[in-house]
Amino acid sequence: MRTTGLGGSGVPVSELALGCAALGNLFHPVTDEAAHATVEAAWNAGVRTFDTAPHYGLGLSERRLGAALRDRPRDTYTLSTKVGRLLVPDPEGGAGDDLAHGFAVPATHRRVWDFSADGVLRSLEASLERLGLDRVDVALLHDPDDHADQALREAYPALERLRAEGVIGAIGVGMNQSALPARFLRETDIDVVLLAGRYTLLEQDSLAELLPEAAARGRSVVIGGVFNSGLLTAPRPGATYDYAPAPQPVLDRALRLLAVCERHGVPLRAAALRFPFGHPAVASVLSGARSPEEVRDTVEQLRRPIPDTLWDEMRAEGLLHPDTPVPVPTGRAASTGEPEPSKEP
């Protein structure tokens, strides 16, 4: 599987990265055995980049991911985790559950926002303990939407020092919006933005600022949420978009995308996975899974050939702006080991 360096850091990421929120029992429980088998299936498919966070299952995702990777040589994979939420023991000792935050785990801890320099250090130390590893490769500021000033003033400099000391290889920000990450690109020296749900077949607002800013500065973007929380896997009434029932206009647009894909014999999820690679700033697509079967399906869809005529029809139908960059046909640049170039109209 093709790999690309993040920004100027030299930290490699595989074309497909495994998002490990589901390993923290996102919405539904996953057994330890299924979590381990999911990571194993990703590894066997060539995935060498794994993303987790303390937030995911109150540390459960980190513990499971660390256990699944423990026997792998440490220099053969890239692992990212996040800072900004400290896990503090709950006085009630897990009497309730954490489903209010989306995770089917006992509420043994509560999350405390903390983008201070000390909070960053404490968060990473706790993550390493849960992971059972001696280092993480990428540290991301996690959802600093309401804490932008502290994250820029305190958390970012702390990460910058850790990168300069060689403790971590790359730093960045992970968010569900594009405006604040664009500010980080302008005002800091981050290596990567993890952008979830905001550069997909359904929406490309990040083409206005974030993606051009990253490309101009030689920084990387990892795209998560390419299915918009499920809508672009199987659009139908009741399908979710941003973890809520899809509004009718959004559902209608997804159904039009589906119709175009069906006319070209391409599954919609295959087009959704491949689409972000049209932009030169995109280094990797992050996709979650909770079973080996889901991993294998994702890899299969990513490898499906996508004809140019599919993108042409999406443009003609007004589903993509005429200037939206789209990928070259799968495989054309694969033998070079270099990122696939964008196809400009």
C-alpha atoms as a PDB file:
ATOM      1  CA  MET A   1       0.000   0.000   0.000  1.00  0.00           C
ATOM      2  CA  ARG A   2       1.375   3.401  -1.013  1.00  0.00           C
ATOM      3  CA  THR A   3       2.851   5.597   1.736  1.00  0.00           C
ATOM      4  CA  THR A   4       3.415   9.357   1.888  1.00  0.00           C
ATOM      5  CA  GLY A   5       5.347  11.560   4.316  1.00  0.00           C
ATOM      6  CA  LEU A   6       3.361  13.983   6.489  1.00  0.00           C
ATOM      7  CA  GLY A   7       4.299  17.520   5.561  1.00  0.00           C
ATOM      8  CA  GLY A   8       8.007  18.034   6.063  1.00  0.00           C
ATOM      9  CA  SER A   9       8.181  15.653   9.010  1.00  0.00           C
ATOM     10  CA  GLY A  10       9.159  12.482   7.226  1.00  0.00           C
ATOM     11  CA  VAL A  11       6.607  10.517   9.263  1.00  0.00           C
ATOM     12  CA  PRO A  12       5.063   8.023   6.804  1.00  0.00           C
ATOM     13  CA  VAL A  13       1.349   7.345   6.488  1.00  0.00           C
ATOM     14  CA  SER A  14      -0.252   4.607   4.447  1.00  0.00           C
ATOM     15  CA  GLU A  15      -2.786   5.516   1.802  1.00  0.00           C
ATOM     16  CA  LEU A  16      -5.482   4.033   4.037  1.00  0.00           C
ATOM     17  CA  ALA A  17      -5.356   4.580   7.800  1.00  0.00           C
ATOM     18  CA  LEU A  18      -7.431   2.695  10.346  1.00  0.00           C
ATOM     19  CA  GLY A  19      -9.559   4.926  12.562  1.00  0.00           C
ATOM     20  CA  CYS A  20      -9.955   3.209  15.919  1.00  0.00           C
ATOM     21  CA  ALA A  21     -12.969   4.936  17.485  1.00  0.00           C
ATOM     22  CA  ALA A  22     -15.004   1.758  16.932  1.00  0.00           C
ATOM     23  CA  LEU A  23     -12.457  -0.179  18.982  1.00  0.00           C
ATOM     24  CA  GLY A  24     -13.585   2.004  21.883  1.00  0.00           C
ATOM     25  CA  ASN A  25     -17.141   0.679  21.517  1.00  0.00           C
ATOM     26  CA  LEU A  26     -18.470   3.560  19.436  1.00  0.00           C
ATOM     27  CA  PHE A  27     -22.273   3.279  19.769  1.00  0.00           C
ATOM     28  CA  HIS A  28     -22.110  -0.521  20.153  1.00  0.00           C
ATOM     29  CA  PRO A  29     -19.871  -2.945  22.056  1.00  0.00           C
ATOM     30  CA  VAL A  30     -17.017  -4.704  20.290  1.00  0.00           C
ATOM     31  CA  THR A  31     -15.316  -7.681  21.917  1.00  0.00           C
ATOM     32  CA  ASP A  32     -11.586  -7.718  22.633  1.00  0.00           C
ATOM     33  CA  GLU A  33     -11.260 -10.545  20.114  1.00  0.00           C
ATOM     34  CA  ALA A  34     -13.066  -8.612  17.369  1.00  0.00           C
ATOM     35  CA  ALA A  35     -10.974  -5.505  18.055  1.00  0.00           C
ATOM     36  CA  HIS A  36      -7.743  -7.495  17.778  1.00  0.00           C
ATOM     37  CA  ALA A  37      -8.936  -9.241  14.606  1.00  0.00           C
ATOM     38  CA  THR A  38      -9.854  -5.873  13.060  1.00  0.00           C
ATOM     39  CA  VAL A  39      -6.347  -4.489  13.575  1.00  0.00           C
ATOM     40  CA  GLU A  40      -4.887  -7.778  12.292  1.00  0.00           C
ATOM     41  CA  ALA A  41      -6.997  -7.599   9.132  1.00  0.00           C
ATOM     42  CA  ALA A  42      -5.892  -4.013   8.512  1.00  0.00           C
ATOM     43  CA  TRP A  43      -2.252  -5.020   8.950  1.00  0.00           C
ATOM     44  CA  ASN A  44      -2.620  -7.953   6.559  1.00  0.00           C
ATOM     45  CA  ALA A  45      -4.129  -5.589   3.974  1.00  0.00           C
ATOM     46  CA  GLY A  46      -1.101  -3.318   4.138  1.00  0.00           C
ATOM     47  CA  VAL A  47      -2.440  -0.619   6.470  1.00  0.00           C
ATOM     48  CA  ARG A  48       0.396   0.802   8.544  1.00  0.00           C
ATOM     49  CA  THR A  49      -1.221   3.905  10.024  1.00  0.00           C
ATOM     50  CA  PHE A  50      -3.520   3.785  13.048  1.00  0.00           C
ATOM     51  CA  ASP A  51      -5.359   6.650  14.744  1.00  0.00           C
ATOM     52  CA  THR A  52      -6.824   6.670  18.237  1.00  0.00           C
ATOM     53  CA  ALA A  53      -7.605   9.072  21.102  1.00  0.00           C
ATOM     54  CA  PRO A  54      -8.262   9.062  24.857  1.00  0.00           C
ATOM     55  CA  HIS A  55     -11.817  10.189  24.055  1.00  0.00           C
ATOM     56  CA  TYR A  56     -12.600   6.924  22.261  1.00  0.00           C
ATOM     57  CA  GLY A  57     -14.199   4.707  24.862  1.00  0.00           C
ATOM     58  CA  LEU A  58     -12.508   6.496  27.778  1.00  0.00           C
ATOM     59  CA  GLY A  59      -9.163   5.003  26.832  1.00  0.00           C
ATOM     60  CA  LEU A  60     -10.455   1.607  25.693  1.00  0.00           C
ATOM     61  CA  SER A  61      -9.470   2.217  22.077  1.00  0.00           C
ATOM     62  CA  GLU A  62      -5.899   3.069  23.071  1.00  0.00           C
ATOM     63  CA  ARG A  63      -5.591  -0.022  25.266  1.00  0.00           C
ATOM     64  CA  ARG A  64      -6.924  -2.330  22.572  1.00  0.00           C
ATOM     65  CA  LEU A  65      -4.844  -0.790  19.796  1.00  0.00           C
ATOM     66  CA  GLY A  66      -1.667  -0.951  21.864  1.00  0.00           C
ATOM     67  CA  ALA A  67      -2.311  -4.599  22.697  1.00  0.00           C
ATOM     68  CA  ALA A  68      -2.963  -5.476  19.041  1.00  0.00           C
ATOM     69  CA  LEU A  69       0.276  -3.812  17.872  1.00  0.00           C
ATOM     70  CA  ARG A  70       2.525  -4.811  20.755  1.00  0.00           C
ATOM     71  CA  ASP A  71       4.290  -7.650  18.923  1.00  0.00           C
ATOM     72  CA  ARG A  72       4.868  -5.598  15.767  1.00  0.00           C
ATOM     73  CA  PRO A  73       8.281  -3.941  15.292  1.00  0.00           C
ATOM     74  CA  ARG A  74       7.789  -0.356  16.458  1.00  0.00           C
ATOM     75  CA  ASP A  75       9.387   1.208  13.400  1.00  0.00           C
ATOM     76  CA  THR A  76       7.044  -0.582  10.981  1.00  0.00           C
ATOM     77  CA  TYR A  77       3.895   1.457  11.663  1.00  0.00           C
ATOM     78  CA  THR A  78       2.702   4.982  12.418  1.00  0.00           C
ATOM     79  CA  LEU A  79       0.436   5.659  15.391  1.00  0.00           C
ATOM     80  CA  SER A  80      -1.365   8.898  16.152  1.00  0.00           C
ATOM     81  CA  THR A  81      -3.280   9.887  19.243  1.00  0.00           C
ATOM     82  CA  LYS A  82      -4.763  13.129  20.485  1.00  0.00           C
ATOM     83  CA  VAL A  83      -4.537  15.664  23.295  1.00  0.00           C
ATOM     84  CA  GLY A  84      -7.015  18.139  24.750  1.00  0.00           C
ATOM     85  CA  ARG A  85      -9.250  15.882  26.840  1.00  0.00           C
ATOM     86  CA  LEU A  86      -7.873  14.519  30.106  1.00  0.00           C
ATOM     87  CA  LEU A  87      -9.545  11.452  31.602  1.00  0.00           C
ATOM     88  CA  VAL A  88     -10.309  11.976  35.287  1.00  0.00           C
ATOM     89  CA  PRO A  89     -11.714   9.168  37.501  1.00  0.00           C
ATOM     90  CA  ASP A  90     -15.445   9.561  38.081  1.00  0.00           C
ATOM     91  CA  PRO A  91     -16.371   9.745  41.784  1.00  0.00           C
ATOM     92  CA  GLU A  92     -19.286   7.366  41.151  1.00  0.00           C
ATOM     93  CA  GLY A  93     -16.895   4.738  39.817  1.00  0.00           C
ATOM     94  CA  GLY A  94     -18.640   3.827  36.587  1.00  0.00           C
ATOM     95  CA  ALA A  95     -22.162   3.431  37.905  1.00  0.00           C
ATOM     96  CA  GLY A  96     -23.560   4.695  34.575  1.00  0.00           C
ATOM     97  CA  ASP A  97     -22.511   4.380  30.939  1.00  0.00           C
ATOM     98  CA  ASP A  98     -20.829   6.711  28.488  1.00  0.00           C
ATOM     99  CA  LEU A  99     -23.436   6.546  25.744  1.00  0.00           C
ATOM    100  CA  ALA A 100     -24.146  10.254  26.126  1.00  0.00           C
ATOM    101  CA  HIS A 101     -20.715  10.701  24.526  1.00  0.00           C
ATOM    102  CA  GLY A 102     -21.336   7.904  22.025  1.00  0.00           C
ATOM    103  CA  PHE A 103     -19.429   5.028  23.631  1.00  0.00           C
ATOM    104  CA  ALA A 104     -20.868   1.830  25.082  1.00  0.00           C
ATOM    105  CA  VAL A 105     -18.492   1.638  28.048  1.00  0.00           C
ATOM    106  CA  PRO A 106     -18.901   2.148  31.809  1.00  0.00           C
ATOM    107  CA  ALA A 107     -18.515   5.794  32.817  1.00  0.00           C
ATOM    108  CA  THR A 108     -15.449   5.135  34.954  1.00  0.00           C
ATOM    109  CA  HIS A 109     -13.923   8.490  33.990  1.00  0.00           C
ATOM    110  CA  ARG A 110     -15.046  11.903  32.877  1.00  0.00           C
ATOM    111  CA  ARG A 111     -13.440  14.085  30.248  1.00  0.00           C
ATOM    112  CA  VAL A 112     -11.896  17.419  31.220  1.00  0.00           C
ATOM    113  CA  TRP A 113     -10.937  19.858  28.487  1.00  0.00           C
ATOM    114  CA  ASP A 114      -7.319  20.942  28.942  1.00  0.00           C
ATOM    115  CA  PHE A 115      -5.188  22.575  26.262  1.00  0.00           C
ATOM    116  CA  SER A 116      -2.535  23.819  28.679  1.00  0.00           C
ATOM    117  CA  ALA A 117       1.099  22.820  28.232  1.00  0.00           C
ATOM    118  CA  ASP A 118       0.889  20.695  31.366  1.00  0.00           C
ATOM    119  CA  GLY A 119      -2.333  19.132  30.104  1.00  0.00           C
ATOM    120  CA  VAL A 120      -0.615  18.103  26.854  1.00  0.00           C
ATOM    121  CA  LEU A 121       2.215  16.400  28.730  1.00  0.00           C
ATOM    122  CA  ARG A 122      -0.115  14.640  31.140  1.00  0.00           C
ATOM    123  CA  SER A 123      -2.353  13.489  28.301  1.00  0.00           C
ATOM    124  CA  LEU A 124       0.505  11.997  26.287  1.00  0.00           C
ATOM    125  CA  GLU A 125       1.970  10.302  29.344  1.00  0.00           C
ATOM    126  CA  ALA A 126      -1.391   8.695  30.127  1.00  0.00           C
ATOM    127  CA  SER A 127      -1.848   7.658  26.485  1.00  0.00           C
ATOM    128  CA  LEU A 128       1.535   5.943  26.415  1.00  0.00           C
ATOM    129  CA  GLU A 129       0.648   4.043  29.551  1.00  0.00           C
ATOM    130  CA  ARG A 130      -2.647   2.852  28.051  1.00  0.00           C
ATOM    131  CA  LEU A 131      -1.003   1.993  24.742  1.00  0.00           C
ATOM    132  CA  GLY A 132       1.873   0.205  26.436  1.00  0.00           C
ATOM    133  CA  LEU A 133       4.277   1.841  23.973  1.00  0.00           C
ATOM    134  CA  ASP A 134       7.313   4.071  24.350  1.00  0.00           C
ATOM    135  CA  ARG A 135       6.210   6.726  21.876  1.00  0.00           C
ATOM    136  CA  VAL A 136       3.529   7.966  19.521  1.00  0.00           C
ATOM    137  CA  ASP A 137       4.451   9.203  16.059  1.00  0.00           C
ATOM    138  CA  VAL A 138       1.805  11.918  15.638  1.00  0.00           C
ATOM    139  CA  ALA A 139       0.093  14.034  18.308  1.00  0.00           C
ATOM    140  CA  LEU A 140      -3.047  15.919  17.314  1.00  0.00           C
ATOM    141  CA  LEU A 141      -4.901  18.688  19.119  1.00  0.00           C
ATOM    142  CA  HIS A 142      -8.375  17.183  19.390  1.00  0.00           C
ATOM    143  CA  ASP A 143     -11.388  19.417  18.676  1.00  0.00           C
ATOM    144  CA  PRO A 144     -10.097  22.720  20.098  1.00  0.00           C
ATOM    145  CA  ASP A 145     -13.167  24.526  18.663  1.00  0.00           C
ATOM    146  CA  ASP A 146     -14.041  26.321  21.919  1.00  0.00           C
ATOM    147  CA  HIS A 147     -10.454  26.523  23.167  1.00  0.00           C
ATOM    148  CA  ALA A 148      -8.655  27.984  20.167  1.00  0.00           C
ATOM    149  CA  ASP A 149      -6.663  30.659  21.998  1.00  0.00           C
ATOM    150  CA  GLN A 150      -5.350  28.302  24.685  1.00  0.00           C
ATOM    151  CA  ALA A 151      -4.582  25.628  22.099  1.00  0.00           C
ATOM    152  CA  LEU A 152      -2.571  28.110  20.023  1.00  0.00           C
ATOM    153  CA  ARG A 153      -0.917  29.819  22.982  1.00  0.00           C
ATOM    154  CA  GLU A 154      -0.137  26.839  25.238  1.00  0.00           C
ATOM    155  CA  ALA A 155      -0.828  23.403  23.746  1.00  0.00           C
ATOM    156  CA  TYR A 156       0.769  23.988  20.352  1.00  0.00           C
ATOM    157  CA  PRO A 157       4.094  25.306  21.729  1.00  0.00           C
ATOM    158  CA  ALA A 158       4.276  22.285  24.046  1.00  0.00           C
ATOM    159  CA  LEU A 159       3.850  19.942  21.076  1.00  0.00           C
ATOM    160  CA  GLU A 160       6.363  21.945  19.070  1.00  0.00           C
ATOM    161  CA  ARG A 161       8.957  21.462  21.832  1.00  0.00           C
ATOM    162  CA  LEU A 162       8.279  17.730  21.953  1.00  0.00           C
ATOM    163  CA  ARG A 163       8.739  17.521  18.188  1.00  0.00           C
ATOM    164  CA  ALA A 164      11.993  19.497  18.368  1.00  0.00           C
ATOM    165  CA  GLU A 165      13.245  17.107  21.073  1.00  0.00           C
ATOM    166  CA  GLY A 166      12.370  14.105  18.904  1.00  0.00           C
ATOM    167  CA  VAL A 167       9.796  12.796  21.374  1.00  0.00           C
ATOM    168  CA  ILE A 168       7.127  12.844  18.655  1.00  0.00           C
ATOM    169  CA  GLY A 169       7.634  12.944  14.922  1.00  0.00           C
ATOM    170  CA  ALA A 170       4.765  15.128  13.723  1.00  0.00           C
ATOM    171  CA  ILE A 171       2.091  17.376  15.193  1.00  0.00           C
ATOM    172  CA  GLY A 172      -1.233  18.663  14.013  1.00  0.00           C
ATOM    173  CA  VAL A 173      -4.870  19.290  14.701  1.00  0.00           C
ATOM    174  CA  GLY A 174      -7.893  17.036  14.277  1.00  0.00           C
ATOM    175  CA  MET A 175     -11.289  18.648  13.765  1.00  0.00           C
ATOM    176  CA  ASN A 176     -14.711  18.480  12.108  1.00  0.00           C
ATOM    177  CA  GLN A 177     -14.454  21.997  10.656  1.00  0.00           C
ATOM    178  CA  SER A 178     -12.052  23.683   8.247  1.00  0.00           C
ATOM    179  CA  ALA A 179     -11.810  27.315   9.419  1.00  0.00           C
ATOM    180  CA  LEU A 180      -9.805  26.813  12.621  1.00  0.00           C
ATOM    181  CA  PRO A 181      -7.394  24.267  11.101  1.00  0.00           C
ATOM    182  CA  ALA A 182      -6.712  26.803   8.336  1.00  0.00           C
ATOM    183  CA  ARG A 183      -5.805  29.303  11.063  1.00  0.00           C
ATOM    184  CA  PHE A 184      -3.405  26.763  12.572  1.00  0.00           C
ATOM    185  CA  LEU A 185      -1.794  26.337   9.162  1.00  0.00           C
ATOM    186  CA  ARG A 186      -1.289  30.085   8.868  1.00  0.00           C
ATOM    187  CA  GLU A 187      -0.109  30.771  12.418  1.00  0.00           C
ATOM    188  CA  THR A 188       1.861  27.651  13.376  1.00  0.00           C
ATOM    189  CA  ASP A 189       4.212  25.071  11.951  1.00  0.00           C
ATOM    190  CA  ILE A 190       1.957  22.006  12.208  1.00  0.00           C
ATOM    191  CA  ASP A 191       2.657  19.085   9.896  1.00  0.00           C
ATOM    192  CA  VAL A 192      -0.843  17.733   9.373  1.00  0.00           C
ATOM    193  CA  VAL A 193      -4.558  18.408   9.642  1.00  0.00           C
ATOM    194  CA  LEU A 194      -6.937  15.536  10.280  1.00  0.00           C
ATOM    195  CA  LEU A 195     -10.164  16.795   8.731  1.00  0.00           C
ATOM    196  CA  ALA A 196     -13.258  14.726   9.467  1.00  0.00           C
ATOM    197  CA  GLY A 197     -16.365  14.900   7.308  1.00  0.00           C
ATOM    198  CA  ARG A 198     -15.612  18.198   5.603  1.00  0.00           C
ATOM    199  CA  TYR A 199     -14.036  17.055   2.350  1.00  0.00           C
ATOM    200  CA  THR A 200     -16.313  14.451   0.854  1.00  0.00           C
ATOM    201  CA  LEU A 201     -18.485  13.913  -2.191  1.00  0.00           C
ATOM    202  CA  LEU A 202     -21.205  15.786  -0.310  1.00  0.00           C
ATOM    203  CA  GLU A 203     -19.253  18.881   0.670  1.00  0.00           C
ATOM    204  CA  GLN A 204     -16.049  20.570  -0.410  1.00  0.00           C
ATOM    205  CA  ASP A 205     -16.038  23.889   1.475  1.00  0.00           C
ATOM    206  CA  SER A 206     -12.450  23.224   2.554  1.00  0.00           C
ATOM    207  CA  LEU A 207     -11.382  23.837  -1.065  1.00  0.00           C
ATOM    208  CA  ALA A 208     -11.864  27.546  -0.409  1.00  0.00           C
ATOM    209  CA  GLU A 209      -9.121  27.898   2.211  1.00  0.00           C
ATOM    210  CA  LEU A 210      -7.854  24.883   4.118  1.00  0.00           C
ATOM    211  CA  LEU A 211      -6.690  22.627   1.303  1.00  0.00           C
ATOM    212  CA  PRO A 212      -5.013  25.375  -0.763  1.00  0.00           C
ATOM    213  CA  GLU A 213      -3.303  26.649   2.410  1.00  0.00           C
ATOM    214  CA  ALA A 214      -1.957  23.190   3.192  1.00  0.00           C
ATOM    215  CA  ALA A 215      -0.749  22.650  -0.374  1.00  0.00           C
ATOM    216  CA  ALA A 216       0.938  26.045  -0.527  1.00  0.00           C
ATOM    217  CA  ARG A 217       2.802  25.398   2.739  1.00  0.00           C
ATOM    218  CA  GLY A 218       3.747  21.829   1.945  1.00  0.00           C
ATOM    219  CA  ARG A 219       1.618  20.426   4.769  1.00  0.00           C
ATOM    220  CA  SER A 220      -0.507  17.311   4.684  1.00  0.00           C
ATOM    221  CA  VAL A 221      -4.189  16.658   5.195  1.00  0.00           C
ATOM    222  CA  VAL A 222      -5.628  13.337   6.300  1.00  0.00           C
ATOM    223  CA  ILE A 223      -9.307  13.008   5.439  1.00  0.00           C
ATOM    224  CA  GLY A 224     -11.656  11.206   7.813  1.00  0.00           C
ATOM    225  CA  GLY A 225     -15.414  10.753   7.678  1.00  0.00           C
ATOM    226  CA  VAL A 226     -15.532  10.193   3.919  1.00  0.00           C
ATOM    227  CA  PHE A 227     -18.924   8.504   4.306  1.00  0.00           C
ATOM    228  CA  ASN A 228     -20.357  11.436   6.314  1.00  0.00           C
ATOM    229  CA  SER A 229     -21.150   9.080   9.225  1.00  0.00           C
ATOM    230  CA  GLY A 230     -22.879   6.560   7.006  1.00  0.00           C
ATOM    231  CA  LEU A 231     -24.931   8.442   4.445  1.00  0.00           C
ATOM    232  CA  LEU A 232     -22.503   7.736   1.598  1.00  0.00           C
ATOM    233  CA  THR A 233     -22.490   4.003   2.241  1.00  0.00           C
ATOM    234  CA  ALA A 234     -26.214   3.453   1.736  1.00  0.00           C
ATOM    235  CA  PRO A 235     -28.299   6.612   1.234  1.00  0.00           C
ATOM    236  CA  ARG A 236     -31.900   6.005   2.254  1.00  0.00           C
ATOM    237  CA  PRO A 237     -34.482   7.593   4.566  1.00  0.00           C
ATOM    238  CA  GLY A 238     -33.188   7.445   8.125  1.00  0.00           C
ATOM    239  CA  ALA A 239     -29.519   7.263   7.115  1.00  0.00           C
ATOM    240  CA  THR A 240     -27.224   9.336   9.307  1.00  0.00           C
ATOM    241  CA  TYR A 241     -25.289  12.432   8.358  1.00  0.00           C
ATOM    242  CA  ASP A 242     -22.998  13.941  11.012  1.00  0.00           C
ATOM    243  CA  TYR A 243     -24.407  11.347  13.448  1.00  0.00           C
ATOM    244  CA  ALA A 244     -28.018  12.519  13.062  1.00  0.00           C
ATOM    245  CA  PRO A 245     -30.771  11.684  10.565  1.00  0.00           C
ATOM    246  CA  ALA A 246     -29.851  13.236   7.230  1.00  0.00           C
ATOM    247  CA  PRO A 247     -31.873  16.341   6.253  1.00  0.00           C
ATOM    248  CA  GLN A 248     -33.931  15.731   3.125  1.00  0.00           C
ATOM    249  CA  PRO A 249     -31.879  18.033   0.818  1.00  0.00           C
ATOM    250  CA  VAL A 250     -28.671  16.262   1.883  1.00  0.00           C
ATOM    251  CA  LEU A 251     -30.286  12.843   1.392  1.00  0.00           C
ATOM    252  CA  ASP A 252     -31.516  13.897  -2.051  1.00  0.00           C
ATOM    253  CA  ARG A 253     -27.982  14.914  -3.028  1.00  0.00           C
ATOM    254  CA  ALA A 254     -26.586  11.600  -1.788  1.00  0.00           C
ATOM    255  CA  LEU A 255     -29.186   9.721  -3.825  1.00  0.00           C
ATOM    256  CA  ARG A 256     -28.170  11.656  -6.938  1.00  0.00           C
ATOM    257  CA  LEU A 257     -24.528  10.708  -6.277  1.00  0.00           C
ATOM    258  CA  LEU A 258     -25.607   7.091  -5.897  1.00  0.00           C
ATOM    259  CA  ALA A 259     -27.458   7.192  -9.222  1.00  0.00           C
ATOM    260  CA  VAL A 260     -24.359   8.477 -11.042  1.00  0.00           C
ATOM    261  CA  CYS A 261     -22.201   5.763  -9.482  1.00  0.00           C
ATOM    262  CA  GLU A 262     -24.692   3.049 -10.425  1.00  0.00           C
ATOM    263  CA  ARG A 263     -24.707   4.223 -14.044  1.00  0.00           C
ATOM    264  CA  HIS A 264     -20.940   3.647 -14.106  1.00  0.00           C
ATOM    265  CA  GLY A 265     -21.001   0.353 -12.225  1.00  0.00           C
ATOM    266  CA  VAL A 266     -19.122   1.768  -9.235  1.00  0.00           C
ATOM    267  CA  PRO A 267     -20.246   1.422  -5.606  1.00  0.00           C
ATOM    268  CA  LEU A 268     -20.839   4.820  -4.037  1.00  0.00           C
ATOM    269  CA  ARG A 269     -18.551   3.989  -1.120  1.00  0.00           C
ATOM    270  CA  ALA A 270     -15.719   3.259  -3.579  1.00  0.00           C
ATOM    271  CA  ALA A 271     -16.072   6.712  -5.144  1.00  0.00           C
ATOM    272  CA  ALA A 272     -16.329   8.300  -1.686  1.00  0.00           C
ATOM    273  CA  LEU A 273     -13.089   6.648  -0.553  1.00  0.00           C
ATOM    274  CA  ARG A 274     -11.133   7.577  -3.666  1.00  0.00           C
ATOM    275  CA  PHE A 275     -12.441  11.118  -4.172  1.00  0.00           C
ATOM    276  CA  PRO A 276     -10.212  12.981  -1.625  1.00  0.00           C
ATOM    277  CA  PHE A 277      -7.022  11.803  -3.322  1.00  0.00           C
ATOM    278  CA  GLY A 278      -7.690  14.178  -6.174  1.00  0.00           C
ATOM    279  CA  HIS A 279      -6.245  17.001  -4.078  1.00  0.00           C
ATOM    280  CA  PRO A 280      -2.439  17.106  -3.833  1.00  0.00           C
ATOM    281  CA  ALA A 281      -2.499  18.022  -0.124  1.00  0.00           C
ATOM    282  CA  VAL A 282      -4.298  14.801   0.830  1.00  0.00           C
ATOM    283  CA  ALA A 283      -1.871  12.167   2.101  1.00  0.00           C
ATOM    284  CA  SER A 284      -4.245   9.545   3.454  1.00  0.00           C
ATOM    285  CA  VAL A 285      -7.858   8.628   4.044  1.00  0.00           C
ATOM    286  CA  LEU A 286      -8.824   7.533   7.560  1.00  0.00           C
ATOM    287  CA  SER A 287     -11.642   5.000   7.774  1.00  0.00           C
ATOM    288  CA  GLY A 288     -13.010   3.287  10.849  1.00  0.00           C
ATOM    289  CA  ALA A 289     -13.935  -0.376  11.185  1.00  0.00           C
ATOM    290  CA  ARG A 290     -15.224  -2.692  13.884  1.00  0.00           C
ATOM    291  CA  SER A 291     -14.642  -6.050  12.190  1.00  0.00           C
ATOM    292  CA  PRO A 292     -12.256  -7.750   9.772  1.00  0.00           C
ATOM    293  CA  GLU A 293     -15.075  -7.882   7.214  1.00  0.00           C
ATOM    294  CA  GLU A 294     -15.440  -4.094   7.283  1.00  0.00           C
ATOM    295  CA  VAL A 295     -11.686  -3.682   6.853  1.00  0.00           C
ATOM    296  CA  ARG A 296     -11.578  -6.024   3.880  1.00  0.00           C
ATOM    297  CA  ASP A 297     -14.542  -4.293   2.235  1.00  0.00           C
ATOM    298  CA  THR A 298     -12.926  -0.867   2.683  1.00  0.00           C
ATOM    299  CA  VAL A 299      -9.679  -2.031   1.104  1.00  0.00           C
ATOM    300  CA  GLU A 300     -11.561  -3.654  -1.770  1.00  0.00           C
ATOM    301  CA  GLN A 301     -13.546  -0.480  -2.451  1.00  0.00           C
ATOM    302  CA  LEU A 302     -10.447   1.721  -2.298  1.00  0.00           C
ATOM    303  CA  ARG A 303      -8.788  -0.435  -4.958  1.00  0.00           C
ATOM    304  CA  ARG A 304     -11.712  -0.377  -7.393  1.00  0.00           C
ATOM    305  CA  PRO A 305     -11.016   1.453 -10.655  1.00  0.00           C
ATOM    306  CA  ILE A 306     -12.970   4.709 -10.992  1.00  0.00           C
ATOM    307  CA  PRO A 307     -13.452   5.882 -14.591  1.00  0.00           C
ATOM    308  CA  ASP A 308     -12.919   9.519 -15.494  1.00  0.00           C
ATOM    309  CA  THR A 309     -16.408   9.559 -16.924  1.00  0.00           C
ATOM    310  CA  LEU A 310     -17.902   9.155 -13.448  1.00  0.00           C
ATOM    311  CA  TRP A 311     -16.289  12.375 -12.222  1.00  0.00           C
ATOM    312  CA  ASP A 312     -17.228  14.087 -15.495  1.00  0.00           C
ATOM    313  CA  GLU A 313     -20.890  13.199 -14.993  1.00  0.00           C
ATOM    314  CA  MET A 314     -20.846  14.386 -11.373  1.00  0.00           C
ATOM    315  CA  ARG A 315     -19.572  17.734 -12.623  1.00  0.00           C
ATOM    316  CA  ALA A 316     -22.128  17.855 -15.402  1.00  0.00           C
ATOM    317  CA  GLU A 317     -24.894  17.093 -12.883  1.00  0.00           C
ATOM    318  CA  GLY A 318     -23.730  19.956 -10.636  1.00  0.00           C
ATOM    319  CA  LEU A 319     -22.729  17.506  -7.896  1.00  0.00           C
ATOM    320  CA  LEU A 320     -19.104  18.660  -8.058  1.00  0.00           C
ATOM    321  CA  HIS A 321     -17.891  22.154  -8.862  1.00  0.00           C
ATOM    322  CA  PRO A 322     -16.166  22.277 -12.261  1.00  0.00           C
ATOM    323  CA  ASP A 323     -12.854  23.186 -10.586  1.00  0.00           C
ATOM    324  CA  THR A 324     -12.925  20.366  -8.038  1.00  0.00           C
ATOM    325  CA  PRO A 325      -9.781  18.231  -8.464  1.00  0.00           C
ATOM    326  CA  VAL A 326     -10.477  14.537  -8.968  1.00  0.00           C
ATOM    327  CA  PRO A 327      -8.188  11.492  -8.872  1.00  0.00           C
ATOM    328  CA  VAL A 328      -6.503   9.983 -11.875  1.00  0.00           C
ATOM    329  CA  PRO A 329      -7.713   6.455 -12.655  1.00  0.00           C
ATOM    330  CA  THR A 330      -6.603   4.022  -9.965  1.00  0.00           C
ATOM    331  CA  GLY A 331      -3.228   2.477 -10.654  1.00  0.00           C
ATOM    332  CA  ARG A 332      -1.917   5.034 -13.163  1.00  0.00           C
ATOM    333  CA  ALA A 333       0.649   6.394 -10.687  1.00  0.00           C
ATOM    334  CA  ALA A 334       0.824   3.422  -8.334  1.00  0.00           C
ATOM    335  CA  SER A 335       4.046   1.997  -9.717  1.00  0.00           C
ATOM    336  CA  THR A 336       6.018   5.169  -8.963  1.00  0.00           C
ATOM    337  CA  GLY A 337       5.355   5.132  -5.221  1.00  0.00           C
ATOM    338  CA  GLU A 338       4.550   8.829  -5.481  1.00  0.00           C
ATOM    339  CA  PRO A 339       1.208  10.440  -4.553  1.00  0.00           C
ATOM    340  CA  GLU A 340      -1.289  10.311  -7.353  1.00  0.00           C
ATOM    341  CA  PRO A 341      -1.543  13.746  -9.006  1.00  0.00           C
ATOM    342  CA  SER A 342      -4.760  15.626  -9.215  1.00  0.00           C
ATOM    343  CA  LYS A 343      -6.567  15.868 -12.501  1.00  0.00           C
ATOM    344  CA  GLU A 344      -7.293  19.526 -13.167  1.00  0.00           C
ATOM    345  CA  PRO A 345     -10.212  20.352 -15.444  1.00  0.00           C
END
